[in-house]
Amino acid sequence: MRKTSVKILIWGPGEGTNFYSKRDRIKQHLRDIGQYDEVNTSEDLFKSIEHPSFPDLVQLELLHANVADIIFGLVTSDPRQTGIYMEIDNLLRYEPLINKTWLIMPDEHDWHKAGSFIQVPLLNSFPMYRTKSFRIKQLEKCEQVRKFCSDKVNETRARLMRNYVQKVLSGQDNS
């Protein structure tokens, strides 16, 4: 089961924003524990394309999301973090994408800057059962966040393995 590869996409703070290093630590942690997994950010995937056939970055990010088995979106109250809100807005249009996405964000006690007319409605539109909130101190330490992500990746790996076994047993897998 550990050899079952999971495609993981991590959205969140970009360079120069608060918590960028946390997103990087989550990415590195998932790479360290899942040697067969593909763990990327959209920025990683943008860099890997020499001649993109998609002129629109939004289309490219939606392609990344469609290919991923699980998506983590690290949401912060940093006003410089804007990309995640565009990604959430796009996700809300496609239920299959919502169902493989986990938003990780500060809990309501620590969400002190969430007064934006864009942030609050978008976050409130996202299904609460697909969100995980942490206190800022937990996000800063990152250990519980990394464990949460690891657990969700393992759940995804188990689901992929069950689906594969069902295909084999039903004769649908011709490999």
N, C-alpha and C. Protein backbone atom coordinates (compact mmCIF):
# COMPACT_ATOMS: atom_id res chain seq x y z
N MET A 1 0.82 -1.19 0.00
CA MET A 1 0.00 0.00 0.00
C MET A 1 0.87 1.26 0.00
N ARG A 2 2.02 1.23 0.66
CA ARG A 2 2.88 2.41 0.70
C ARG A 2 3.44 2.76 -0.66
N LYS A 3 3.43 1.81 -1.59
CA LYS A 3 3.94 2.09 -2.93
C LYS A 3 2.88 2.72 -3.82
N THR A 4 1.66 2.82 -3.32
CA THR A 4 0.60 3.48 -4.07
C THR A 4 0.89 4.97 -4.08
N SER A 5 1.09 5.51 -5.26
CA SER A 5 1.45 6.92 -5.42
C SER A 5 0.23 7.82 -5.29
N VAL A 6 0.41 8.89 -4.53
CA VAL A 6 -0.64 9.90 -4.37
C VAL A 6 -0.12 11.20 -4.96
N LYS A 7 -0.95 11.84 -5.78
CA LYS A 7 -0.60 13.15 -6.36
C LYS A 7 -1.17 14.23 -5.44
N ILE A 8 -0.26 14.99 -4.83
CA ILE A 8 -0.62 15.97 -3.81
C ILE A 8 -0.31 17.37 -4.34
N LEU A 9 -1.28 18.26 -4.22
CA LEU A 9 -1.10 19.65 -4.63
C LEU A 9 -1.29 20.52 -3.40
N ILE A 10 -0.36 21.46 -3.19
CA ILE A 10 -0.43 22.34 -2.04
C ILE A 10 -0.52 23.78 -2.52
N TRP A 11 -1.65 24.40 -2.22
CA TRP A 11 -1.85 25.81 -2.51
C TRP A 11 -1.67 26.60 -1.23
N GLY A 12 -1.33 27.86 -1.36
CA GLY A 12 -1.22 28.68 -0.17
C GLY A 12 -0.33 29.88 -0.38
N PRO A 13 0.23 30.36 0.72
CA PRO A 13 1.02 31.59 0.67
C PRO A 13 2.19 31.48 -0.29
N GLY A 14 2.38 32.52 -1.08
CA GLY A 14 3.52 32.57 -1.99
C GLY A 14 4.72 33.21 -1.33
N GLU A 15 5.81 33.25 -2.07
CA GLU A 15 7.04 33.86 -1.54
C GLU A 15 6.76 35.29 -1.10
N GLY A 16 7.33 35.66 0.04
CA GLY A 16 7.18 37.02 0.55
C GLY A 16 5.97 37.21 1.45
N THR A 17 5.17 36.17 1.64
CA THR A 17 4.01 36.28 2.51
C THR A 17 4.26 35.50 3.80
N ASN A 18 3.45 35.82 4.82
CA ASN A 18 3.53 35.06 6.06
C ASN A 18 3.14 33.61 5.78
N PHE A 19 3.77 32.70 6.43
CA PHE A 19 3.48 31.28 6.36
C PHE A 19 3.96 30.61 5.07
N TYR A 20 4.66 31.33 4.19
CA TYR A 20 5.23 30.66 3.02
C TYR A 20 6.14 29.52 3.45
N SER A 21 6.95 29.75 4.47
CA SER A 21 7.87 28.70 4.93
C SER A 21 7.10 27.51 5.49
N LYS A 22 5.91 27.74 6.03
CA LYS A 22 5.10 26.63 6.56
C LYS A 22 4.59 25.77 5.41
N ARG A 23 4.16 26.41 4.34
CA ARG A 23 3.70 25.64 3.17
C ARG A 23 4.85 24.81 2.63
N ASP A 24 6.04 25.39 2.62
CA ASP A 24 7.23 24.68 2.16
C ASP A 24 7.56 23.51 3.09
N ARG A 25 7.42 23.72 4.40
CA ARG A 25 7.69 22.64 5.36
C ARG A 25 6.68 21.51 5.20
N ILE A 26 5.43 21.83 4.97
CA ILE A 26 4.41 20.80 4.74
C ILE A 26 4.77 20.00 3.48
N LYS A 27 5.13 20.72 2.42
CA LYS A 27 5.51 20.06 1.17
C LYS A 27 6.70 19.12 1.38
N GLN A 28 7.73 19.61 2.06
CA GLN A 28 8.92 18.79 2.29
C GLN A 28 8.61 17.59 3.18
N HIS A 29 7.80 17.78 4.19
CA HIS A 29 7.41 16.69 5.08
C HIS A 29 6.69 15.59 4.29
N LEU A 30 5.73 15.99 3.45
CA LEU A 30 4.99 15.00 2.66
C LEU A 30 5.90 14.30 1.66
N ARG A 31 6.87 15.00 1.12
CA ARG A 31 7.85 14.36 0.22
C ARG A 31 8.71 13.36 0.99
N ASP A 32 9.10 13.73 2.21
CA ASP A 32 9.97 12.85 3.01
C ASP A 32 9.27 11.56 3.40
N ILE A 33 8.00 11.63 3.74
CA ILE A 33 7.31 10.42 4.21
C ILE A 33 6.68 9.61 3.09
N GLY A 34 6.50 10.20 1.94
CA GLY A 34 5.85 9.50 0.82
C GLY A 34 6.76 9.40 -0.38
N GLN A 35 7.71 8.49 -0.33
CA GLN A 35 8.72 8.44 -1.37
C GLN A 35 8.17 8.17 -2.76
N TYR A 36 6.98 7.60 -2.85
CA TYR A 36 6.38 7.33 -4.16
C TYR A 36 5.38 8.41 -4.58
N ASP A 37 5.13 9.35 -3.69
CA ASP A 37 4.13 10.39 -3.96
C ASP A 37 4.72 11.52 -4.80
N GLU A 38 3.83 12.21 -5.48
CA GLU A 38 4.19 13.43 -6.20
C GLU A 38 3.60 14.59 -5.40
N VAL A 39 4.48 15.41 -4.83
CA VAL A 39 4.05 16.52 -3.99
C VAL A 39 4.52 17.81 -4.65
N ASN A 40 3.56 18.66 -5.02
CA ASN A 40 3.91 19.89 -5.74
C ASN A 40 3.04 21.06 -5.32
N THR A 41 3.55 22.23 -5.61
CA THR A 41 2.75 23.44 -5.58
C THR A 41 2.49 23.80 -7.04
N SER A 42 1.56 24.67 -7.29
CA SER A 42 1.34 25.10 -8.67
C SER A 42 2.58 25.79 -9.22
N GLU A 43 3.30 26.52 -8.35
CA GLU A 43 4.53 27.18 -8.80
C GLU A 43 5.55 26.15 -9.28
N ASP A 44 5.67 25.01 -8.56
CA ASP A 44 6.57 23.94 -9.00
C ASP A 44 6.18 23.45 -10.39
N LEU A 45 4.88 23.27 -10.58
CA LEU A 45 4.39 22.73 -11.85
C LEU A 45 4.53 23.76 -12.98
N PHE A 46 4.35 25.05 -12.67
CA PHE A 46 4.55 26.08 -13.68
C PHE A 46 5.99 26.05 -14.18
N LYS A 47 6.93 25.91 -13.26
CA LYS A 47 8.36 25.91 -13.61
C LYS A 47 8.74 24.70 -14.47
N SER A 48 8.00 23.60 -14.34
CA SER A 48 8.35 22.38 -15.07
C SER A 48 7.88 22.40 -16.53
N ILE A 49 7.09 23.40 -16.90
CA ILE A 49 6.55 23.48 -18.25
C ILE A 49 7.36 24.49 -19.05
N GLU A 50 8.04 24.01 -20.09
CA GLU A 50 8.86 24.91 -20.91
C GLU A 50 8.02 25.71 -21.90
N HIS A 51 7.07 25.04 -22.53
CA HIS A 51 6.23 25.70 -23.53
C HIS A 51 4.77 25.40 -23.19
N PRO A 52 4.21 26.18 -22.28
CA PRO A 52 2.83 25.87 -21.87
C PRO A 52 1.85 26.05 -23.02
N SER A 53 0.95 25.07 -23.14
CA SER A 53 -0.09 25.18 -24.16
C SER A 53 -1.29 25.94 -23.60
N PHE A 54 -1.29 26.18 -22.30
CA PHE A 54 -2.36 26.93 -21.66
C PHE A 54 -1.88 28.37 -21.46
N PRO A 55 -2.48 29.32 -22.15
CA PRO A 55 -2.05 30.70 -21.96
C PRO A 55 -2.56 31.28 -20.64
N ASP A 56 -3.55 30.66 -20.05
CA ASP A 56 -4.21 31.18 -18.87
C ASP A 56 -3.77 30.39 -17.64
N LEU A 57 -3.21 31.09 -16.63
CA LEU A 57 -2.75 30.43 -15.42
C LEU A 57 -3.89 29.80 -14.63
N VAL A 58 -5.08 30.38 -14.70
CA VAL A 58 -6.24 29.81 -14.01
C VAL A 58 -6.57 28.44 -14.60
N GLN A 59 -6.55 28.34 -15.93
CA GLN A 59 -6.79 27.05 -16.57
C GLN A 59 -5.74 26.03 -16.15
N LEU A 60 -4.51 26.46 -16.09
CA LEU A 60 -3.42 25.57 -15.71
C LEU A 60 -3.58 25.10 -14.27
N GLU A 61 -3.96 26.00 -13.37
CA GLU A 61 -4.18 25.60 -11.98
C GLU A 61 -5.35 24.63 -11.87
N LEU A 62 -6.40 24.83 -12.65
CA LEU A 62 -7.52 23.89 -12.63
C LEU A 62 -7.10 22.53 -13.17
N LEU A 63 -6.22 22.52 -14.15
CA LEU A 63 -5.68 21.25 -14.64
C LEU A 63 -4.89 20.56 -13.53
N HIS A 64 -4.05 21.30 -12.82
CA HIS A 64 -3.30 20.73 -11.69
C HIS A 64 -4.28 20.13 -10.67
N ALA A 65 -5.34 20.87 -10.38
CA ALA A 65 -6.32 20.41 -9.39
C ALA A 65 -7.03 19.14 -9.87
N ASN A 66 -7.36 19.08 -11.14
CA ASN A 66 -8.03 17.88 -11.67
C ASN A 66 -7.15 16.65 -11.60
N VAL A 67 -5.85 16.82 -11.82
CA VAL A 67 -4.92 15.70 -11.82
C VAL A 67 -4.60 15.24 -10.40
N ALA A 68 -4.62 16.15 -9.45
CA ALA A 68 -4.27 15.82 -8.06
C ALA A 68 -5.28 14.85 -7.45
N ASP A 69 -4.77 14.01 -6.55
CA ASP A 69 -5.64 13.13 -5.77
C ASP A 69 -6.14 13.83 -4.51
N ILE A 70 -5.33 14.76 -4.00
CA ILE A 70 -5.69 15.51 -2.80
C ILE A 70 -5.04 16.89 -2.89
N ILE A 71 -5.77 17.90 -2.42
CA ILE A 71 -5.29 19.28 -2.46
C ILE A 71 -5.37 19.84 -1.04
N PHE A 72 -4.30 20.50 -0.63
CA PHE A 72 -4.30 21.24 0.63
C PHE A 72 -4.17 22.71 0.30
N GLY A 73 -5.03 23.52 0.87
CA GLY A 73 -4.96 24.97 0.71
C GLY A 73 -4.69 25.61 2.05
N LEU A 74 -3.51 26.17 2.21
CA LEU A 74 -3.15 26.85 3.45
C LEU A 74 -3.62 28.30 3.34
N VAL A 75 -4.63 28.65 4.13
CA VAL A 75 -5.24 29.98 4.09
C VAL A 75 -4.79 30.74 5.32
N THR A 76 -4.33 31.97 5.12
CA THR A 76 -3.93 32.80 6.26
C THR A 76 -4.65 34.14 6.16
N SER A 77 -4.50 34.94 7.19
CA SER A 77 -5.11 36.28 7.16
C SER A 77 -4.13 37.32 6.64
N ASP A 78 -3.01 36.88 6.07
CA ASP A 78 -2.04 37.81 5.49
C ASP A 78 -2.68 38.49 4.28
N PRO A 79 -2.81 39.81 4.28
CA PRO A 79 -3.46 40.49 3.16
C PRO A 79 -2.70 40.34 1.84
N ARG A 80 -1.44 39.93 1.89
CA ARG A 80 -0.67 39.73 0.66
C ARG A 80 -0.97 38.38 0.02
N GLN A 81 -1.63 37.49 0.76
CA GLN A 81 -1.98 36.18 0.21
C GLN A 81 -3.31 36.30 -0.51
N THR A 82 -3.26 36.37 -1.82
CA THR A 82 -4.49 36.56 -2.59
C THR A 82 -4.80 35.37 -3.49
N GLY A 83 -3.79 34.64 -3.93
CA GLY A 83 -3.99 33.57 -4.89
C GLY A 83 -4.93 32.48 -4.40
N ILE A 84 -4.86 32.16 -3.12
CA ILE A 84 -5.70 31.08 -2.59
C ILE A 84 -7.19 31.42 -2.73
N TYR A 85 -7.53 32.70 -2.68
CA TYR A 85 -8.94 33.07 -2.80
C TYR A 85 -9.44 32.88 -4.22
N MET A 86 -8.58 33.13 -5.20
CA MET A 86 -8.94 32.85 -6.59
C MET A 86 -9.10 31.33 -6.77
N GLU A 87 -8.19 30.57 -6.17
CA GLU A 87 -8.27 29.11 -6.29
C GLU A 87 -9.53 28.58 -5.63
N ILE A 88 -9.89 29.11 -4.47
CA ILE A 88 -11.12 28.68 -3.79
C ILE A 88 -12.33 29.04 -4.65
N ASP A 89 -12.35 30.23 -5.20
CA ASP A 89 -13.46 30.65 -6.05
C ASP A 89 -13.62 29.70 -7.23
N ASN A 90 -12.51 29.30 -7.83
CA ASN A 90 -12.57 28.35 -8.95
C ASN A 90 -13.02 26.96 -8.49
N LEU A 91 -12.55 26.52 -7.32
CA LEU A 91 -12.94 25.21 -6.80
C LEU A 91 -14.44 25.11 -6.57
N LEU A 92 -15.03 26.21 -6.10
CA LEU A 92 -16.44 26.19 -5.75
C LEU A 92 -17.34 25.88 -6.94
N ARG A 93 -16.80 25.94 -8.13
CA ARG A 93 -17.58 25.65 -9.33
C ARG A 93 -17.60 24.17 -9.67
N TYR A 94 -16.74 23.37 -9.02
CA TYR A 94 -16.57 21.97 -9.39
C TYR A 94 -16.58 21.09 -8.14
N GLU A 95 -17.70 20.42 -7.91
CA GLU A 95 -17.83 19.60 -6.71
C GLU A 95 -16.76 18.52 -6.60
N PRO A 96 -16.35 17.86 -7.69
CA PRO A 96 -15.29 16.85 -7.55
C PRO A 96 -13.98 17.44 -7.00
N LEU A 97 -13.71 18.71 -7.30
CA LEU A 97 -12.50 19.35 -6.77
C LEU A 97 -12.67 19.68 -5.29
N ILE A 98 -13.86 20.13 -4.92
CA ILE A 98 -14.13 20.43 -3.51
C ILE A 98 -13.91 19.17 -2.68
N ASN A 99 -14.36 18.04 -3.19
CA ASN A 99 -14.32 16.79 -2.43
C ASN A 99 -12.94 16.19 -2.27
N LYS A 100 -11.93 16.80 -2.87
CA LYS A 100 -10.57 16.32 -2.64
C LYS A 100 -9.68 17.43 -2.07
N THR A 101 -10.31 18.51 -1.62
CA THR A 101 -9.57 19.65 -1.10
C THR A 101 -9.81 19.81 0.39
N TRP A 102 -8.73 20.12 1.10
CA TRP A 102 -8.79 20.48 2.52
C TRP A 102 -8.23 21.88 2.68
N LEU A 103 -9.02 22.78 3.24
CA LEU A 103 -8.53 24.11 3.56
C LEU A 103 -8.04 24.11 5.01
N ILE A 104 -6.83 24.58 5.20
CA ILE A 104 -6.21 24.68 6.53
C ILE A 104 -6.11 26.16 6.83
N MET A 105 -6.70 26.58 7.96
CA MET A 105 -6.73 28.01 8.24
C MET A 105 -6.75 28.29 9.73
N PRO A 106 -6.48 29.54 10.10
CA PRO A 106 -6.57 29.91 11.52
C PRO A 106 -8.00 29.75 12.01
N ASP A 107 -8.15 29.39 13.29
CA ASP A 107 -9.51 29.30 13.82
C ASP A 107 -10.10 30.70 14.00
N GLU A 108 -11.37 30.73 14.33
CA GLU A 108 -12.07 32.02 14.39
C GLU A 108 -11.48 32.98 15.42
N HIS A 109 -10.85 32.47 16.47
CA HIS A 109 -10.24 33.34 17.48
C HIS A 109 -9.01 34.06 16.93
N ASP A 110 -8.33 33.44 15.99
CA ASP A 110 -7.09 34.01 15.47
C ASP A 110 -7.27 34.67 14.10
N TRP A 111 -8.48 34.67 13.59
CA TRP A 111 -8.72 35.24 12.26
C TRP A 111 -9.02 36.72 12.42
N HIS A 112 -8.03 37.49 12.87
CA HIS A 112 -8.24 38.88 13.23
C HIS A 112 -8.31 39.84 12.05
N LYS A 113 -7.82 39.45 10.90
CA LYS A 113 -7.83 40.38 9.76
C LYS A 113 -8.86 39.97 8.71
N ALA A 114 -9.72 39.04 9.04
CA ALA A 114 -10.65 38.52 8.03
C ALA A 114 -11.88 39.41 7.92
N GLY A 115 -11.66 40.64 7.54
CA GLY A 115 -12.78 41.53 7.35
C GLY A 115 -13.00 41.85 5.89
N SER A 116 -12.20 41.24 5.04
CA SER A 116 -12.25 41.54 3.62
C SER A 116 -13.59 41.13 3.02
N PHE A 117 -14.06 41.93 2.10
CA PHE A 117 -15.30 41.62 1.41
C PHE A 117 -15.14 40.42 0.49
N ILE A 118 -13.90 40.04 0.18
CA ILE A 118 -13.65 38.87 -0.67
C ILE A 118 -13.43 37.63 0.19
N GLN A 119 -12.58 37.73 1.19
CA GLN A 119 -12.17 36.56 1.97
C GLN A 119 -13.33 35.88 2.68
N VAL A 120 -14.07 36.62 3.46
CA VAL A 120 -15.09 36.03 4.31
C VAL A 120 -16.17 35.30 3.51
N PRO A 121 -16.78 35.91 2.50
CA PRO A 121 -17.82 35.18 1.74
C PRO A 121 -17.28 33.92 1.06
N LEU A 122 -16.07 33.99 0.52
CA LEU A 122 -15.51 32.81 -0.13
C LEU A 122 -15.28 31.68 0.87
N LEU A 123 -14.68 32.01 1.99
CA LEU A 123 -14.44 30.99 3.01
C LEU A 123 -15.74 30.43 3.56
N ASN A 124 -16.74 31.29 3.72
CA ASN A 124 -18.03 30.81 4.21
C ASN A 124 -18.76 29.97 3.18
N SER A 125 -18.43 30.13 1.90
CA SER A 125 -19.05 29.34 0.84
C SER A 125 -18.44 27.94 0.72
N PHE A 126 -17.23 27.78 1.25
CA PHE A 126 -16.56 26.49 1.16
C PHE A 126 -17.13 25.57 2.24
N PRO A 127 -17.40 24.30 1.90
CA PRO A 127 -18.00 23.39 2.89
C PRO A 127 -17.13 23.25 4.15
N MET A 128 -17.73 23.49 5.30
CA MET A 128 -16.99 23.43 6.57
C MET A 128 -16.40 22.05 6.83
N TYR A 129 -17.06 21.00 6.33
CA TYR A 129 -16.55 19.65 6.57
C TYR A 129 -15.25 19.39 5.79
N ARG A 130 -14.85 20.31 4.91
CA ARG A 130 -13.60 20.18 4.16
C ARG A 130 -12.57 21.20 4.65
N THR A 131 -12.75 21.72 5.86
CA THR A 131 -11.81 22.68 6.42
C THR A 131 -11.26 22.15 7.73
N LYS A 132 -10.08 22.59 8.06
CA LYS A 132 -9.46 22.25 9.34
C LYS A 132 -8.85 23.53 9.88
N SER A 133 -9.30 23.95 11.04
CA SER A 133 -8.75 25.18 11.61
C SER A 133 -7.79 24.85 12.74
N PHE A 134 -6.80 25.72 12.87
CA PHE A 134 -5.79 25.61 13.91
C PHE A 134 -5.58 26.97 14.53
N ARG A 135 -5.12 26.97 15.77
CA ARG A 135 -4.68 28.21 16.39
C ARG A 135 -3.40 28.66 15.70
N ILE A 136 -3.12 29.94 15.70
CA ILE A 136 -1.93 30.49 15.03
C ILE A 136 -0.66 29.82 15.55
N LYS A 137 -0.59 29.59 16.85
CA LYS A 137 0.61 28.94 17.43
C LYS A 137 0.80 27.55 16.83
N GLN A 138 -0.28 26.81 16.59
CA GLN A 138 -0.18 25.49 15.97
C GLN A 138 0.28 25.60 14.52
N LEU A 139 -0.22 26.62 13.82
CA LEU A 139 0.23 26.83 12.44
C LEU A 139 1.71 27.20 12.41
N GLU A 140 2.13 28.02 13.37
CA GLU A 140 3.54 28.43 13.41
C GLU A 140 4.45 27.24 13.70
N LYS A 141 4.07 26.40 14.65
CA LYS A 141 4.89 25.23 14.97
C LYS A 141 4.81 24.20 13.85
N CYS A 142 3.66 24.08 13.24
CA CYS A 142 3.44 23.29 12.03
C CYS A 142 3.37 21.77 12.25
N GLU A 143 3.71 21.28 13.44
CA GLU A 143 3.72 19.82 13.66
C GLU A 143 2.33 19.22 13.50
N GLN A 144 1.32 19.82 14.14
CA GLN A 144 -0.03 19.28 14.05
C GLN A 144 -0.59 19.41 12.64
N VAL A 145 -0.22 20.47 11.95
CA VAL A 145 -0.67 20.66 10.58
C VAL A 145 -0.05 19.58 9.69
N ARG A 146 1.24 19.32 9.85
CA ARG A 146 1.89 18.28 9.06
C ARG A 146 1.27 16.91 9.35
N LYS A 147 0.96 16.64 10.61
CA LYS A 147 0.33 15.36 10.96
C LYS A 147 -1.05 15.26 10.32
N PHE A 148 -1.82 16.35 10.38
CA PHE A 148 -3.14 16.36 9.73
C PHE A 148 -3.01 16.02 8.25
N CYS A 149 -2.06 16.68 7.57
CA CYS A 149 -1.85 16.44 6.14
C CYS A 149 -1.43 14.99 5.89
N SER A 150 -0.52 14.48 6.69
CA SER A 150 -0.07 13.09 6.55
C SER A 150 -1.23 12.13 6.69
N ASP A 151 -2.09 12.35 7.70
CA ASP A 151 -3.25 11.49 7.91
C ASP A 151 -4.19 11.52 6.71
N LYS A 152 -4.43 12.71 6.15
CA LYS A 152 -5.34 12.82 5.01
C LYS A 152 -4.73 12.17 3.76
N VAL A 153 -3.42 12.27 3.60
CA VAL A 153 -2.75 11.60 2.47
C VAL A 153 -2.89 10.08 2.64
N ASN A 154 -2.72 9.58 3.85
CA ASN A 154 -2.86 8.14 4.08
C ASN A 154 -4.28 7.66 3.82
N GLU A 155 -5.28 8.47 4.19
CA GLU A 155 -6.67 8.14 3.88
C GLU A 155 -6.88 8.08 2.37
N THR A 156 -6.29 9.04 1.66
CA THR A 156 -6.40 9.08 0.20
C THR A 156 -5.72 7.86 -0.42
N ARG A 157 -4.55 7.51 0.09
CA ARG A 157 -3.82 6.35 -0.40
C ARG A 157 -4.66 5.06 -0.22
N ALA A 158 -5.28 4.93 0.94
CA ALA A 158 -6.12 3.76 1.20
C ALA A 158 -7.31 3.72 0.23
N ARG A 159 -7.93 4.89 -0.02
CA ARG A 159 -9.05 4.94 -0.97
C ARG A 159 -8.61 4.56 -2.37
N LEU A 160 -7.45 5.07 -2.81
CA LEU A 160 -6.94 4.72 -4.14
C LEU A 160 -6.65 3.23 -4.24
N MET A 161 -6.10 2.67 -3.17
CA MET A 161 -5.80 1.24 -3.17
C MET A 161 -7.09 0.42 -3.23
N ARG A 162 -8.10 0.82 -2.45
CA ARG A 162 -9.40 0.11 -2.49
C ARG A 162 -10.00 0.17 -3.89
N ASN A 163 -9.96 1.35 -4.51
CA ASN A 163 -10.49 1.49 -5.87
C ASN A 163 -9.75 0.60 -6.85
N TYR A 164 -8.43 0.52 -6.71
CA TYR A 164 -7.62 -0.32 -7.59
C TYR A 164 -7.98 -1.80 -7.40
N VAL A 165 -8.10 -2.23 -6.16
CA VAL A 165 -8.44 -3.64 -5.88
C VAL A 165 -9.82 -3.96 -6.44
N GLN A 166 -10.77 -3.04 -6.29
CA GLN A 166 -12.12 -3.25 -6.83
C GLN A 166 -12.08 -3.40 -8.35
N LYS A 167 -11.26 -2.58 -9.03
CA LYS A 167 -11.13 -2.69 -10.48
C LYS A 167 -10.54 -4.03 -10.87
N VAL A 168 -9.52 -4.47 -10.17
CA VAL A 168 -8.88 -5.75 -10.48
C VAL A 168 -9.87 -6.89 -10.27
N LEU A 169 -10.57 -6.87 -9.14
CA LEU A 169 -11.52 -7.95 -8.84
C LEU A 169 -12.70 -7.96 -9.80
N SER A 170 -13.06 -6.81 -10.31
CA SER A 170 -14.21 -6.76 -11.24
C SER A 170 -13.78 -6.98 -12.69
N GLY A 171 -12.47 -7.13 -12.91
CA GLY A 171 -11.97 -7.37 -14.27
C GLY A 171 -11.84 -6.11 -15.10
N GLN A 172 -11.97 -4.93 -14.49
CA GLN A 172 -11.87 -3.68 -15.25
C GLN A 172 -10.44 -3.25 -15.47
N ASP A 173 -9.49 -3.80 -14.73
CA ASP A 173 -8.08 -3.42 -14.88
C ASP A 173 -7.41 -4.40 -15.83
N ASN A 174 -6.92 -3.90 -16.96
CA ASN A 174 -6.31 -4.75 -17.97
C ASN A 174 -4.80 -4.72 -17.95
N SER A 175 -4.19 -4.17 -16.90
CA SER A 175 -2.73 -4.06 -16.88
C SER A 175 -2.03 -5.35 -16.55
